[in-house]
Amino acid sequence: MNGSISNDMLAEKLSFDAFRDEVLKDYRMACESREVSLLGRKEVLTGKAKFGIFGDGKEVPQIAMAKFFRPGDFYSGYYRDQTFAFATGTATITEFFAQLYADPDTAHDPHSGGRQMNSHFATPMINQQGEFLDLANRKNIAAGMAPTAAQMPRALGFALASKLFREAEGLKEFSGLSHNGDEVCFCTIGDAATSEGHFWETVNAAAVMQVPLVIFVWDDGYGISVPKKYQTTKGSISEALKGFQKKDDTNGLMIYKVKAWDYAGLCETFEEGILHKYLLAPGEKAVVGAKIALLLQKGEAPPADGAASAAARRRGRRGPARPGARRPWAGRAPP
């Protein structure tokens, strides 16, 4: 399934065959990314690579997240999002290992030519002549940055740019940069880095300005080796953020908390939060906050019966969310 799927198809439930193929494809991607982490860590521990950080444990939510990342959108994240890069097609496993080995050949590591730490992916924004590429029809990955929470102010800037392209008449002519502000910035951060000032400044500014920003917090219970109860109020960033919760006739942001192993629940939540419920009309460009709880990394396991979320059961096991769905307030057809 891809961004070219028609609206008529989106209005229908997935057939069993399509659902099966989609789930198997996602399962394969999760397994491949996990093997990349295991092999990469082995390469570091045996001295073949000098340093590496990996994204094992975050495969399923990143696959679900990638389903809603459309051409024109921007990503500003950090160094544990390899599965997202693989799932969106913005990086390959070969490029991942070229970066891990610091290969200076940009034919092998087009993201940084061996200059960046692994999982610091990037897509070009200008050509050799210094002219902007057609960013409105590309999936855009901003170069990774190592300082924790450094991606947050940049994510706010991307989201604000989208809002300005929607509201400023003088920017309408730059159709190669934006489709009338129909872009969303995806931002990821680890739960420990939410203690940084950049995080709180960005959340506050985004909630006040009401820009199209989606924040995914990967909550695995620890910040490096420190339990989160020692650095996060109430031991929960979603609890600490409750004052920012959007209510009727107020600004703010929506806060979701989802089990990271709940494939159906993740797709359901992202579909509701990103595509439908809170990005409705030109006058309602709300912030969508997504809280991902990585329960597996805290030693917990999914239910023995593999039960999907109650929301997924209510929707009749409709299956993975529709990746090419047009945002309802957009004035253009899906690419």
C-alpha atoms as a PDB file:
ATOM      1  CA  MET A   1       0.000   0.000   0.000  1.00  0.00           C
ATOM      2  CA  ASN A   2       1.298   3.467  -0.803  1.00  0.00           C
ATOM      3  CA  GLY A   3       0.414   7.132  -1.065  1.00  0.00           C
ATOM      4  CA  SER A   4      -1.172   6.703  -4.488  1.00  0.00           C
ATOM      5  CA  ILE A   5      -4.123   4.700  -3.157  1.00  0.00           C
ATOM      6  CA  SER A   6      -7.481   6.172  -4.198  1.00  0.00           C
ATOM      7  CA  ASN A   7     -10.048   7.701  -1.873  1.00  0.00           C
ATOM      8  CA  ASP A   8     -12.621   5.132  -3.035  1.00  0.00           C
ATOM      9  CA  MET A   9     -10.340   2.367  -1.859  1.00  0.00           C
ATOM     10  CA  LEU A  10      -9.716   4.160   1.404  1.00  0.00           C
ATOM     11  CA  ALA A  11     -13.430   4.236   2.133  1.00  0.00           C
ATOM     12  CA  GLU A  12     -13.615   0.457   2.062  1.00  0.00           C
ATOM     13  CA  LYS A  13     -12.413  -2.074   4.572  1.00  0.00           C
ATOM     14  CA  LEU A  14      -9.261  -3.969   3.685  1.00  0.00           C
ATOM     15  CA  SER A  15      -9.843  -7.338   2.111  1.00  0.00           C
ATOM     16  CA  PHE A  16      -8.464 -10.310   3.983  1.00  0.00           C
ATOM     17  CA  ASP A  17      -5.702 -10.800   1.421  1.00  0.00           C
ATOM     18  CA  ALA A  18      -4.683  -7.149   1.527  1.00  0.00           C
ATOM     19  CA  PHE A  19      -4.724  -7.175   5.325  1.00  0.00           C
ATOM     20  CA  ARG A  20      -2.618 -10.347   5.448  1.00  0.00           C
ATOM     21  CA  ASP A  21      -0.092  -8.984   2.948  1.00  0.00           C
ATOM     22  CA  GLU A  22       0.197  -5.717   4.862  1.00  0.00           C
ATOM     23  CA  VAL A  23       0.744  -7.443   8.203  1.00  0.00           C
ATOM     24  CA  LEU A  24       3.313  -9.865   6.746  1.00  0.00           C
ATOM     25  CA  LYS A  25       5.170  -7.010   5.093  1.00  0.00           C
ATOM     26  CA  ASP A  26       5.291  -5.113   8.371  1.00  0.00           C
ATOM     27  CA  TYR A  27       6.364  -8.209  10.303  1.00  0.00           C
ATOM     28  CA  ARG A  28       9.199  -8.778   7.848  1.00  0.00           C
ATOM     29  CA  MET A  29      10.323  -5.177   8.242  1.00  0.00           C
ATOM     30  CA  ALA A  30      10.277  -5.465  12.050  1.00  0.00           C
ATOM     31  CA  CYS A  31      12.333  -8.680  11.938  1.00  0.00           C
ATOM     32  CA  GLU A  32      14.863  -7.241   9.507  1.00  0.00           C
ATOM     33  CA  SER A  33      15.336  -4.105  11.587  1.00  0.00           C
ATOM     34  CA  ARG A  34      15.771  -6.152  14.770  1.00  0.00           C
ATOM     35  CA  GLU A  35      18.443  -8.274  13.054  1.00  0.00           C
ATOM     36  CA  VAL A  36      20.175  -5.070  11.946  1.00  0.00           C
ATOM     37  CA  SER A  37      20.357  -3.976  15.602  1.00  0.00           C
ATOM     38  CA  LEU A  38      21.694  -7.313  16.781  1.00  0.00           C
ATOM     39  CA  LEU A  39      24.307  -7.547  14.036  1.00  0.00           C
ATOM     40  CA  GLY A  40      25.300  -3.908  14.396  1.00  0.00           C
ATOM     41  CA  ARG A  41      25.820  -4.272  18.142  1.00  0.00           C
ATOM     42  CA  LYS A  42      27.920  -7.365  17.521  1.00  0.00           C
ATOM     43  CA  GLU A  43      30.070  -5.432  15.041  1.00  0.00           C
ATOM     44  CA  VAL A  44      30.692  -2.730  17.650  1.00  0.00           C
ATOM     45  CA  LEU A  45      31.475  -5.169  20.465  1.00  0.00           C
ATOM     46  CA  THR A  46      33.951  -7.068  18.270  1.00  0.00           C
ATOM     47  CA  GLY A  47      35.718  -3.857  17.229  1.00  0.00           C
ATOM     48  CA  LYS A  48      34.704  -3.854  13.567  1.00  0.00           C
ATOM     49  CA  ALA A  49      32.699  -0.669  14.088  1.00  0.00           C
ATOM     50  CA  LYS A  50      33.766   1.967  16.577  1.00  0.00           C
ATOM     51  CA  PHE A  51      30.446   3.120  17.960  1.00  0.00           C
ATOM     52  CA  GLY A  52      26.788   2.370  17.432  1.00  0.00           C
ATOM     53  CA  ILE A  53      23.347   3.056  18.877  1.00  0.00           C
ATOM     54  CA  PHE A  54      20.411   0.945  17.758  1.00  0.00           C
ATOM     55  CA  GLY A  55      16.625   0.998  17.725  1.00  0.00           C
ATOM     56  CA  ASP A  56      15.670  -2.491  18.871  1.00  0.00           C
ATOM     57  CA  GLY A  57      12.407  -2.501  20.809  1.00  0.00           C
ATOM     58  CA  LYS A  58      10.932   0.349  18.786  1.00  0.00           C
ATOM     59  CA  GLU A  59      10.209  -1.477  15.535  1.00  0.00           C
ATOM     60  CA  VAL A  60       6.424  -1.852  15.692  1.00  0.00           C
ATOM     61  CA  PRO A  61       5.479   1.740  16.605  1.00  0.00           C
ATOM     62  CA  GLN A  62       7.861   3.103  13.989  1.00  0.00           C
ATOM     63  CA  ILE A  63       6.327   0.902  11.300  1.00  0.00           C
ATOM     64  CA  ALA A  64       2.880   2.149  12.277  1.00  0.00           C
ATOM     65  CA  MET A  65       4.147   5.715  12.343  1.00  0.00           C
ATOM     66  CA  ALA A  66       5.658   5.383   8.856  1.00  0.00           C
ATOM     67  CA  LYS A  67       2.235   4.573   7.388  1.00  0.00           C
ATOM     68  CA  PHE A  68       1.172   8.195   7.884  1.00  0.00           C
ATOM     69  CA  PHE A  69       4.363   9.909   6.735  1.00  0.00           C
ATOM     70  CA  ARG A  70       3.448  11.352   3.344  1.00  0.00           C
ATOM     71  CA  PRO A  71       5.364  13.221   0.638  1.00  0.00           C
ATOM     72  CA  GLY A  72       5.844  16.793   1.799  1.00  0.00           C
ATOM     73  CA  ASP A  73       6.020  15.880   5.485  1.00  0.00           C
ATOM     74  CA  PHE A  74       9.175  16.441   7.524  1.00  0.00           C
ATOM     75  CA  TYR A  75      10.823  14.272  10.148  1.00  0.00           C
ATOM     76  CA  SER A  76      13.036  15.638  12.913  1.00  0.00           C
ATOM     77  CA  GLY A  77      14.070  12.833  15.219  1.00  0.00           C
ATOM     78  CA  TYR A  78      16.946  11.105  16.888  1.00  0.00           C
ATOM     79  CA  TYR A  79      19.261   8.130  16.668  1.00  0.00           C
ATOM     80  CA  ARG A  80      16.943   5.207  17.455  1.00  0.00           C
ATOM     81  CA  ASP A  81      14.615   5.546  14.484  1.00  0.00           C
ATOM     82  CA  GLN A  82      16.223   3.196  11.982  1.00  0.00           C
ATOM     83  CA  THR A  83      12.983   1.240  11.458  1.00  0.00           C
ATOM     84  CA  PHE A  84      11.141   4.420  10.512  1.00  0.00           C
ATOM     85  CA  ALA A  85      13.816   5.212   7.927  1.00  0.00           C
ATOM     86  CA  PHE A  86      13.633   1.694   6.474  1.00  0.00           C
ATOM     87  CA  ALA A  87       9.819   1.656   6.454  1.00  0.00           C
ATOM     88  CA  THR A  88       9.539   5.024   4.692  1.00  0.00           C
ATOM     89  CA  GLY A  89      12.146   4.081   2.110  1.00  0.00           C
ATOM     90  CA  THR A  90      14.384   7.007   3.030  1.00  0.00           C
ATOM     91  CA  ALA A  91      17.253   4.705   4.042  1.00  0.00           C
ATOM     92  CA  THR A  92      18.351   1.147   3.330  1.00  0.00           C
ATOM     93  CA  ILE A  93      20.030  -1.470   5.470  1.00  0.00           C
ATOM     94  CA  THR A  94      23.148  -1.206   3.296  1.00  0.00           C
ATOM     95  CA  GLU A  95      23.303   2.546   3.920  1.00  0.00           C
ATOM     96  CA  PHE A  96      22.821   1.955   7.639  1.00  0.00           C
ATOM     97  CA  PHE A  97      25.920  -0.241   7.835  1.00  0.00           C
ATOM     98  CA  ALA A  98      27.931   2.093   5.596  1.00  0.00           C
ATOM     99  CA  GLN A  99      27.234   4.823   8.133  1.00  0.00           C
ATOM    100  CA  LEU A 100      28.082   2.492  11.011  1.00  0.00           C
ATOM    101  CA  TYR A 101      31.506   1.847   9.432  1.00  0.00           C
ATOM    102  CA  ALA A 102      31.959   5.583   8.662  1.00  0.00           C
ATOM    103  CA  ASP A 103      32.228   4.974   4.920  1.00  0.00           C
ATOM    104  CA  PRO A 104      33.189   8.366   3.375  1.00  0.00           C
ATOM    105  CA  ASP A 105      31.775   7.433  -0.033  1.00  0.00           C
ATOM    106  CA  THR A 106      28.422   9.165  -0.470  1.00  0.00           C
ATOM    107  CA  ALA A 107      27.441   6.479  -2.949  1.00  0.00           C
ATOM    108  CA  HIS A 108      27.387   4.147   0.057  1.00  0.00           C
ATOM    109  CA  ASP A 109      26.346   6.589   2.801  1.00  0.00           C
ATOM    110  CA  PRO A 110      24.370   9.354   1.074  1.00  0.00           C
ATOM    111  CA  HIS A 111      23.157  10.686   4.419  1.00  0.00           C
ATOM    112  CA  SER A 112      26.446  12.018   5.758  1.00  0.00           C
ATOM    113  CA  GLY A 113      29.377  10.472   3.879  1.00  0.00           C
ATOM    114  CA  GLY A 114      30.607   8.807   7.058  1.00  0.00           C
ATOM    115  CA  ARG A 115      30.689  12.036   9.051  1.00  0.00           C
ATOM    116  CA  GLN A 116      27.695  11.361  11.257  1.00  0.00           C
ATOM    117  CA  MET A 117      26.941   8.773  13.896  1.00  0.00           C
ATOM    118  CA  ASN A 118      24.853   5.847  12.738  1.00  0.00           C
ATOM    119  CA  SER A 119      21.079   6.341  12.346  1.00  0.00           C
ATOM    120  CA  HIS A 120      21.615  10.020  11.579  1.00  0.00           C
ATOM    121  CA  PHE A 121      19.722   9.924   8.321  1.00  0.00           C
ATOM    122  CA  ALA A 122      19.105  12.878   6.027  1.00  0.00           C
ATOM    123  CA  THR A 123      17.511  13.581   2.677  1.00  0.00           C
ATOM    124  CA  PRO A 124      18.814  16.371   0.409  1.00  0.00           C
ATOM    125  CA  MET A 125      16.898  19.631   0.249  1.00  0.00           C
ATOM    126  CA  ILE A 126      18.946  21.424  -2.434  1.00  0.00           C
ATOM    127  CA  ASN A 127      20.589  20.313  -5.666  1.00  0.00           C
ATOM    128  CA  GLN A 128      24.178  20.815  -6.792  1.00  0.00           C
ATOM    129  CA  GLN A 129      23.316  24.337  -7.955  1.00  0.00           C
ATOM    130  CA  GLY A 130      21.987  25.282  -4.526  1.00  0.00           C
ATOM    131  CA  GLU A 131      18.363  25.335  -5.652  1.00  0.00           C
ATOM    132  CA  PHE A 132      15.560  23.829  -3.582  1.00  0.00           C
ATOM    133  CA  LEU A 133      14.396  20.395  -4.633  1.00  0.00           C
ATOM    134  CA  ASP A 134      10.693  19.552  -4.976  1.00  0.00           C
ATOM    135  CA  LEU A 135      10.247  19.092  -1.223  1.00  0.00           C
ATOM    136  CA  ALA A 136       6.461  19.098  -1.442  1.00  0.00           C
ATOM    137  CA  ASN A 137       6.565  15.787  -3.275  1.00  0.00           C
ATOM    138  CA  ARG A 138       9.346  14.118  -1.314  1.00  0.00           C
ATOM    139  CA  LYS A 139       9.567  12.518   2.116  1.00  0.00           C
ATOM    140  CA  ASN A 140      11.909  14.830   3.991  1.00  0.00           C
ATOM    141  CA  ILE A 141      14.302  13.715   6.723  1.00  0.00           C
ATOM    142  CA  ALA A 142      16.246  16.422   8.563  1.00  0.00           C
ATOM    143  CA  ALA A 143      19.803  15.381   9.474  1.00  0.00           C
ATOM    144  CA  GLY A 144      20.127  13.745  12.857  1.00  0.00           C
ATOM    145  CA  MET A 145      21.760  15.583  15.749  1.00  0.00           C
ATOM    146  CA  ALA A 146      23.477  13.920  18.694  1.00  0.00           C
ATOM    147  CA  PRO A 147      22.672  16.401  21.537  1.00  0.00           C
ATOM    148  CA  THR A 148      19.565  15.176  23.294  1.00  0.00           C
ATOM    149  CA  ALA A 149      16.392  17.132  22.465  1.00  0.00           C
ATOM    150  CA  ALA A 150      18.198  19.239  19.839  1.00  0.00           C
ATOM    151  CA  GLN A 151      15.649  18.020  17.302  1.00  0.00           C
ATOM    152  CA  MET A 152      12.772  19.686  19.140  1.00  0.00           C
ATOM    153  CA  PRO A 153      13.246  23.389  18.193  1.00  0.00           C
ATOM    154  CA  ARG A 154      13.911  22.373  14.601  1.00  0.00           C
ATOM    155  CA  ALA A 155      10.715  20.313  14.524  1.00  0.00           C
ATOM    156  CA  LEU A 156       8.815  23.366  15.741  1.00  0.00           C
ATOM    157  CA  GLY A 157      10.329  25.381  12.902  1.00  0.00           C
ATOM    158  CA  PHE A 158       9.222  22.867  10.273  1.00  0.00           C
ATOM    159  CA  ALA A 159       5.701  22.798  11.682  1.00  0.00           C
ATOM    160  CA  LEU A 160       5.530  26.587  11.865  1.00  0.00           C
ATOM    161  CA  ALA A 161       6.681  26.785   8.231  1.00  0.00           C
ATOM    162  CA  SER A 162       3.766  24.562   7.244  1.00  0.00           C
ATOM    163  CA  LYS A 163       1.347  26.847   9.055  1.00  0.00           C
ATOM    164  CA  LEU A 164       2.828  29.912   7.349  1.00  0.00           C
ATOM    165  CA  PHE A 165       2.552  28.311   3.922  1.00  0.00           C
ATOM    166  CA  ARG A 166      -1.136  27.838   4.654  1.00  0.00           C
ATOM    167  CA  GLU A 167      -1.781  31.372   5.919  1.00  0.00           C
ATOM    168  CA  ALA A 168       0.653  33.686   4.094  1.00  0.00           C
ATOM    169  CA  GLU A 169      -0.505  34.673   0.601  1.00  0.00           C
ATOM    170  CA  GLY A 170       3.025  35.635  -0.385  1.00  0.00           C
ATOM    171  CA  LEU A 171       4.162  32.010  -0.046  1.00  0.00           C
ATOM    172  CA  LYS A 172       1.487  30.450  -2.265  1.00  0.00           C
ATOM    173  CA  GLU A 173       3.702  30.659  -5.345  1.00  0.00           C
ATOM    174  CA  PHE A 174       6.286  28.276  -3.871  1.00  0.00           C
ATOM    175  CA  SER A 175       4.395  25.125  -4.757  1.00  0.00           C
ATOM    176  CA  GLY A 176       7.581  23.069  -4.788  1.00  0.00           C
ATOM    177  CA  LEU A 177       8.064  23.686  -1.074  1.00  0.00           C
ATOM    178  CA  SER A 178       4.530  23.141   0.191  1.00  0.00           C
ATOM    179  CA  HIS A 179       1.073  22.083  -0.921  1.00  0.00           C
ATOM    180  CA  ASN A 180      -0.765  24.949   0.766  1.00  0.00           C
ATOM    181  CA  GLY A 181       0.547  23.993   4.201  1.00  0.00           C
ATOM    182  CA  ASP A 182      -0.694  20.400   3.967  1.00  0.00           C
ATOM    183  CA  GLU A 183       2.402  19.098   5.713  1.00  0.00           C
ATOM    184  CA  VAL A 184       2.977  17.729   9.185  1.00  0.00           C
ATOM    185  CA  CYS A 185       6.253  17.480  11.051  1.00  0.00           C
ATOM    186  CA  PHE A 186       6.945  14.177  12.798  1.00  0.00           C
ATOM    187  CA  CYS A 187       9.242  14.499  15.809  1.00  0.00           C
ATOM    188  CA  THR A 188      10.609  11.669  17.950  1.00  0.00           C
ATOM    189  CA  ILE A 189      12.352  11.787  21.307  1.00  0.00           C
ATOM    190  CA  GLY A 190      13.311   9.404  24.092  1.00  0.00           C
ATOM    191  CA  ASP A 191      11.560   9.734  27.426  1.00  0.00           C
ATOM    192  CA  ALA A 192      14.763  10.745  29.233  1.00  0.00           C
ATOM    193  CA  ALA A 193      15.379  13.627  26.827  1.00  0.00           C
ATOM    194  CA  THR A 194      11.993  15.087  27.754  1.00  0.00           C
ATOM    195  CA  SER A 195      13.813  16.444  30.821  1.00  0.00           C
ATOM    196  CA  GLU A 196      15.669  18.857  28.533  1.00  0.00           C
ATOM    197  CA  GLY A 197      14.590  22.477  28.329  1.00  0.00           C
ATOM    198  CA  HIS A 198      14.312  22.283  24.538  1.00  0.00           C
ATOM    199  CA  PHE A 199      11.486  19.794  24.923  1.00  0.00           C
ATOM    200  CA  TRP A 200       9.369  21.950  27.206  1.00  0.00           C
ATOM    201  CA  GLU A 201      10.004  25.141  25.242  1.00  0.00           C
ATOM    202  CA  THR A 202       8.955  23.414  22.023  1.00  0.00           C
ATOM    203  CA  VAL A 203       5.840  21.824  23.502  1.00  0.00           C
ATOM    204  CA  ASN A 204       4.703  25.127  24.978  1.00  0.00           C
ATOM    205  CA  ALA A 205       5.338  27.106  21.780  1.00  0.00           C
ATOM    206  CA  ALA A 206       3.663  24.460  19.603  1.00  0.00           C
ATOM    207  CA  ALA A 207       0.612  24.355  21.846  1.00  0.00           C
ATOM    208  CA  VAL A 208       0.294  28.141  21.836  1.00  0.00           C
ATOM    209  CA  MET A 209       0.828  28.577  18.081  1.00  0.00           C
ATOM    210  CA  GLN A 210      -1.211  25.502  17.126  1.00  0.00           C
ATOM    211  CA  VAL A 211       1.136  24.178  14.473  1.00  0.00           C
ATOM    212  CA  PRO A 212       0.886  20.741  12.768  1.00  0.00           C
ATOM    213  CA  LEU A 213       3.428  18.883  14.881  1.00  0.00           C
ATOM    214  CA  VAL A 214       3.274  15.255  15.993  1.00  0.00           C
ATOM    215  CA  ILE A 215       5.585  14.313  18.876  1.00  0.00           C
ATOM    216  CA  PHE A 216       6.322  10.645  19.504  1.00  0.00           C
ATOM    217  CA  VAL A 217       7.893   9.933  22.909  1.00  0.00           C
ATOM    218  CA  TRP A 218       9.623   6.538  23.058  1.00  0.00           C
ATOM    219  CA  ASP A 219       9.049   5.579  26.670  1.00  0.00           C
ATOM    220  CA  ASP A 220      11.107   2.543  27.686  1.00  0.00           C
ATOM    221  CA  GLY A 221      11.274   3.249  31.400  1.00  0.00           C
ATOM    222  CA  TYR A 222      14.911   4.298  31.567  1.00  0.00           C
ATOM    223  CA  GLY A 223      17.057   7.262  30.615  1.00  0.00           C
ATOM    224  CA  ILE A 224      20.386   5.621  29.720  1.00  0.00           C
ATOM    225  CA  SER A 225      20.586   3.650  33.015  1.00  0.00           C
ATOM    226  CA  VAL A 226      18.462   5.794  35.317  1.00  0.00           C
ATOM    227  CA  PRO A 227      14.830   4.794  35.978  1.00  0.00           C
ATOM    228  CA  LYS A 228      12.521   7.554  34.808  1.00  0.00           C
ATOM    229  CA  LYS A 229      11.057   7.999  38.285  1.00  0.00           C
ATOM    230  CA  TYR A 230      14.302   9.793  39.185  1.00  0.00           C
ATOM    231  CA  GLN A 231      14.057  12.374  36.418  1.00  0.00           C
ATOM    232  CA  THR A 232      10.421  12.674  35.289  1.00  0.00           C
ATOM    233  CA  THR A 233       7.654  14.117  37.456  1.00  0.00           C
ATOM    234  CA  LYS A 234       5.258  11.335  38.533  1.00  0.00           C
ATOM    235  CA  GLY A 235       7.426   8.940  36.535  1.00  0.00           C
ATOM    236  CA  SER A 236       5.338   9.649  33.439  1.00  0.00           C
ATOM    237  CA  ILE A 237       5.773  12.320  30.808  1.00  0.00           C
ATOM    238  CA  SER A 238       2.108  12.036  29.804  1.00  0.00           C
ATOM    239  CA  GLU A 239       1.092  12.742  33.408  1.00  0.00           C
ATOM    240  CA  ALA A 240       3.532  15.640  33.603  1.00  0.00           C
ATOM    241  CA  LEU A 241       2.084  17.106  30.403  1.00  0.00           C
ATOM    242  CA  LYS A 242      -1.568  16.987  31.489  1.00  0.00           C
ATOM    243  CA  GLY A 243      -1.749  20.735  31.868  1.00  0.00           C
ATOM    244  CA  PHE A 244      -1.123  21.004  28.122  1.00  0.00           C
ATOM    245  CA  GLN A 245      -4.113  18.792  27.266  1.00  0.00           C
ATOM    246  CA  LYS A 246      -6.301  20.419  24.644  1.00  0.00           C
ATOM    247  CA  LYS A 247      -9.931  20.967  25.646  1.00  0.00           C
ATOM    248  CA  ASP A 248     -12.883  22.557  23.905  1.00  0.00           C
ATOM    249  CA  ASP A 249     -12.323  26.235  23.118  1.00  0.00           C
ATOM    250  CA  THR A 250      -8.699  26.134  24.292  1.00  0.00           C
ATOM    251  CA  ASN A 251      -5.321  25.727  22.699  1.00  0.00           C
ATOM    252  CA  GLY A 252      -2.978  22.944  23.783  1.00  0.00           C
ATOM    253  CA  LEU A 253      -2.211  19.514  22.425  1.00  0.00           C
ATOM    254  CA  MET A 254      -3.788  16.098  22.363  1.00  0.00           C
ATOM    255  CA  ILE A 255      -2.013  13.418  24.394  1.00  0.00           C
ATOM    256  CA  TYR A 256      -2.242   9.720  23.535  1.00  0.00           C
ATOM    257  CA  LYS A 257      -0.758   6.784  25.396  1.00  0.00           C
ATOM    258  CA  VAL A 258      -0.416   3.546  23.446  1.00  0.00           C
ATOM    259  CA  LYS A 259       1.259   0.194  24.096  1.00  0.00           C
ATOM    260  CA  ALA A 260       4.111  -0.120  21.624  1.00  0.00           C
ATOM    261  CA  TRP A 261       3.454  -3.798  20.973  1.00  0.00           C
ATOM    262  CA  ASP A 262      -0.224  -3.184  20.127  1.00  0.00           C
ATOM    263  CA  TYR A 263       0.047  -3.071  16.329  1.00  0.00           C
ATOM    264  CA  ALA A 264      -3.676  -2.559  15.728  1.00  0.00           C
ATOM    265  CA  GLY A 265      -3.971  -0.028  18.542  1.00  0.00           C
ATOM    266  CA  LEU A 266      -1.050   1.992  17.192  1.00  0.00           C
ATOM    267  CA  CYS A 267      -2.538   2.147  13.707  1.00  0.00           C
ATOM    268  CA  GLU A 268      -5.906   3.103  15.163  1.00  0.00           C
ATOM    269  CA  THR A 269      -4.474   5.868  17.341  1.00  0.00           C
ATOM    270  CA  PHE A 270      -2.258   7.352  14.649  1.00  0.00           C
ATOM    271  CA  GLU A 271      -5.120   7.296  12.166  1.00  0.00           C
ATOM    272  CA  GLU A 272      -7.347   9.179  14.597  1.00  0.00           C
ATOM    273  CA  GLY A 273      -4.735  11.621  15.798  1.00  0.00           C
ATOM    274  CA  ILE A 274      -2.876  12.443  12.599  1.00  0.00           C
ATOM    275  CA  LEU A 275      -5.429  12.063   9.827  1.00  0.00           C
ATOM    276  CA  HIS A 276      -8.893  12.639  11.153  1.00  0.00           C
ATOM    277  CA  LYS A 277     -10.035  13.848  14.508  1.00  0.00           C
ATOM    278  CA  TYR A 278      -7.870  16.861  15.263  1.00  0.00           C
ATOM    279  CA  LEU A 279      -6.691  18.079  11.862  1.00  0.00           C
ATOM    280  CA  LEU A 280     -10.107  18.896  10.485  1.00  0.00           C
ATOM    281  CA  ALA A 281     -10.338  22.246   8.782  1.00  0.00           C
ATOM    282  CA  PRO A 282      -8.235  25.299   7.846  1.00  0.00           C
ATOM    283  CA  GLY A 283      -9.240  26.960  11.095  1.00  0.00           C
ATOM    284  CA  GLU A 284      -8.383  23.941  13.220  1.00  0.00           C
ATOM    285  CA  LYS A 285      -4.688  23.208  12.704  1.00  0.00           C
ATOM    286  CA  ALA A 286      -4.181  21.504  16.032  1.00  0.00           C
ATOM    287  CA  VAL A 287      -1.112  19.994  17.602  1.00  0.00           C
ATOM    288  CA  VAL A 288      -1.245  16.227  17.915  1.00  0.00           C
ATOM    289  CA  GLY A 289       0.873  14.713  20.682  1.00  0.00           C
ATOM    290  CA  ALA A 290       1.511  10.986  20.572  1.00  0.00           C
ATOM    291  CA  LYS A 291       2.741   9.141  23.643  1.00  0.00           C
ATOM    292  CA  ILE A 292       4.205   5.716  22.984  1.00  0.00           C
ATOM    293  CA  ALA A 293       4.791   3.438  25.989  1.00  0.00           C
ATOM    294  CA  LEU A 294       7.389   0.781  25.167  1.00  0.00           C
ATOM    295  CA  LEU A 295       6.170  -1.792  27.669  1.00  0.00           C
ATOM    296  CA  LEU A 296       8.203  -4.603  26.142  1.00  0.00           C
ATOM    297  CA  GLN A 297      11.432  -2.884  27.123  1.00  0.00           C
ATOM    298  CA  LYS A 298      10.302  -2.778  30.745  1.00  0.00           C
ATOM    299  CA  GLY A 299      10.127  -6.553  30.878  1.00  0.00           C
ATOM    300  CA  GLU A 300       6.400  -6.712  30.225  1.00  0.00           C
ATOM    301  CA  ALA A 301       4.928  -8.878  27.495  1.00  0.00           C
ATOM    302  CA  PRO A 302       1.881  -8.497  25.269  1.00  0.00           C
ATOM    303  CA  PRO A 303      -1.266 -10.362  26.301  1.00  0.00           C
ATOM    304  CA  ALA A 304      -0.959 -14.122  25.964  1.00  0.00           C
ATOM    305  CA  ASP A 305      -3.947 -14.271  23.659  1.00  0.00           C
ATOM    306  CA  GLY A 306      -2.505 -11.581  21.392  1.00  0.00           C
ATOM    307  CA  ALA A 307      -5.644  -9.509  21.853  1.00  0.00           C
ATOM    308  CA  ALA A 308      -5.784  -6.280  19.910  1.00  0.00           C
ATOM    309  CA  SER A 309      -6.887  -3.029  21.457  1.00  0.00           C
ATOM    310  CA  ALA A 310     -10.523  -2.481  22.335  1.00  0.00           C
ATOM    311  CA  ALA A 311     -10.623   0.274  19.754  1.00  0.00           C
ATOM    312  CA  ALA A 312      -9.451  -2.111  17.057  1.00  0.00           C
ATOM    313  CA  ARG A 313     -12.093  -4.643  18.066  1.00  0.00           C
ATOM    314  CA  ARG A 314     -14.788  -1.973  17.900  1.00  0.00           C
ATOM    315  CA  ARG A 315     -13.818  -1.118  14.368  1.00  0.00           C
ATOM    316  CA  GLY A 316     -14.302  -4.734  13.291  1.00  0.00           C
ATOM    317  CA  ARG A 317     -10.586  -5.528  12.924  1.00  0.00           C
ATOM    318  CA  ARG A 318     -10.382  -3.195  10.000  1.00  0.00           C
ATOM    319  CA  GLY A 319      -6.649  -3.737   9.917  1.00  0.00           C
ATOM    320  CA  PRO A 320      -3.712  -1.373   9.487  1.00  0.00           C
ATOM    321  CA  ALA A 321      -4.591   2.256   9.067  1.00  0.00           C
ATOM    322  CA  ARG A 322      -4.813   3.607   5.579  1.00  0.00           C
ATOM    323  CA  PRO A 323      -1.407   5.049   4.732  1.00  0.00           C
ATOM    324  CA  GLY A 324      -2.395   7.219   1.804  1.00  0.00           C
ATOM    325  CA  ALA A 325      -5.446   8.836   3.354  1.00  0.00           C
ATOM    326  CA  ARG A 326      -5.803  12.501   2.580  1.00  0.00           C
ATOM    327  CA  ARG A 327      -5.921  14.782   5.551  1.00  0.00           C
ATOM    328  CA  PRO A 328      -9.505  16.009   5.603  1.00  0.00           C
ATOM    329  CA  TRP A 329      -8.591  19.693   5.589  1.00  0.00           C
ATOM    330  CA  ALA A 330      -6.210  19.339   2.650  1.00  0.00           C
ATOM    331  CA  GLY A 331      -7.206  20.896  -0.637  1.00  0.00           C
ATOM    332  CA  ARG A 332      -5.355  18.413  -2.836  1.00  0.00           C
ATOM    333  CA  ALA A 333      -5.608  14.769  -3.744  1.00  0.00           C
ATOM    334  CA  PRO A 334      -3.075  12.325  -2.368  1.00  0.00           C
ATOM    335  CA  PRO A 335       0.085  12.183  -4.480  1.00  0.00           C
END
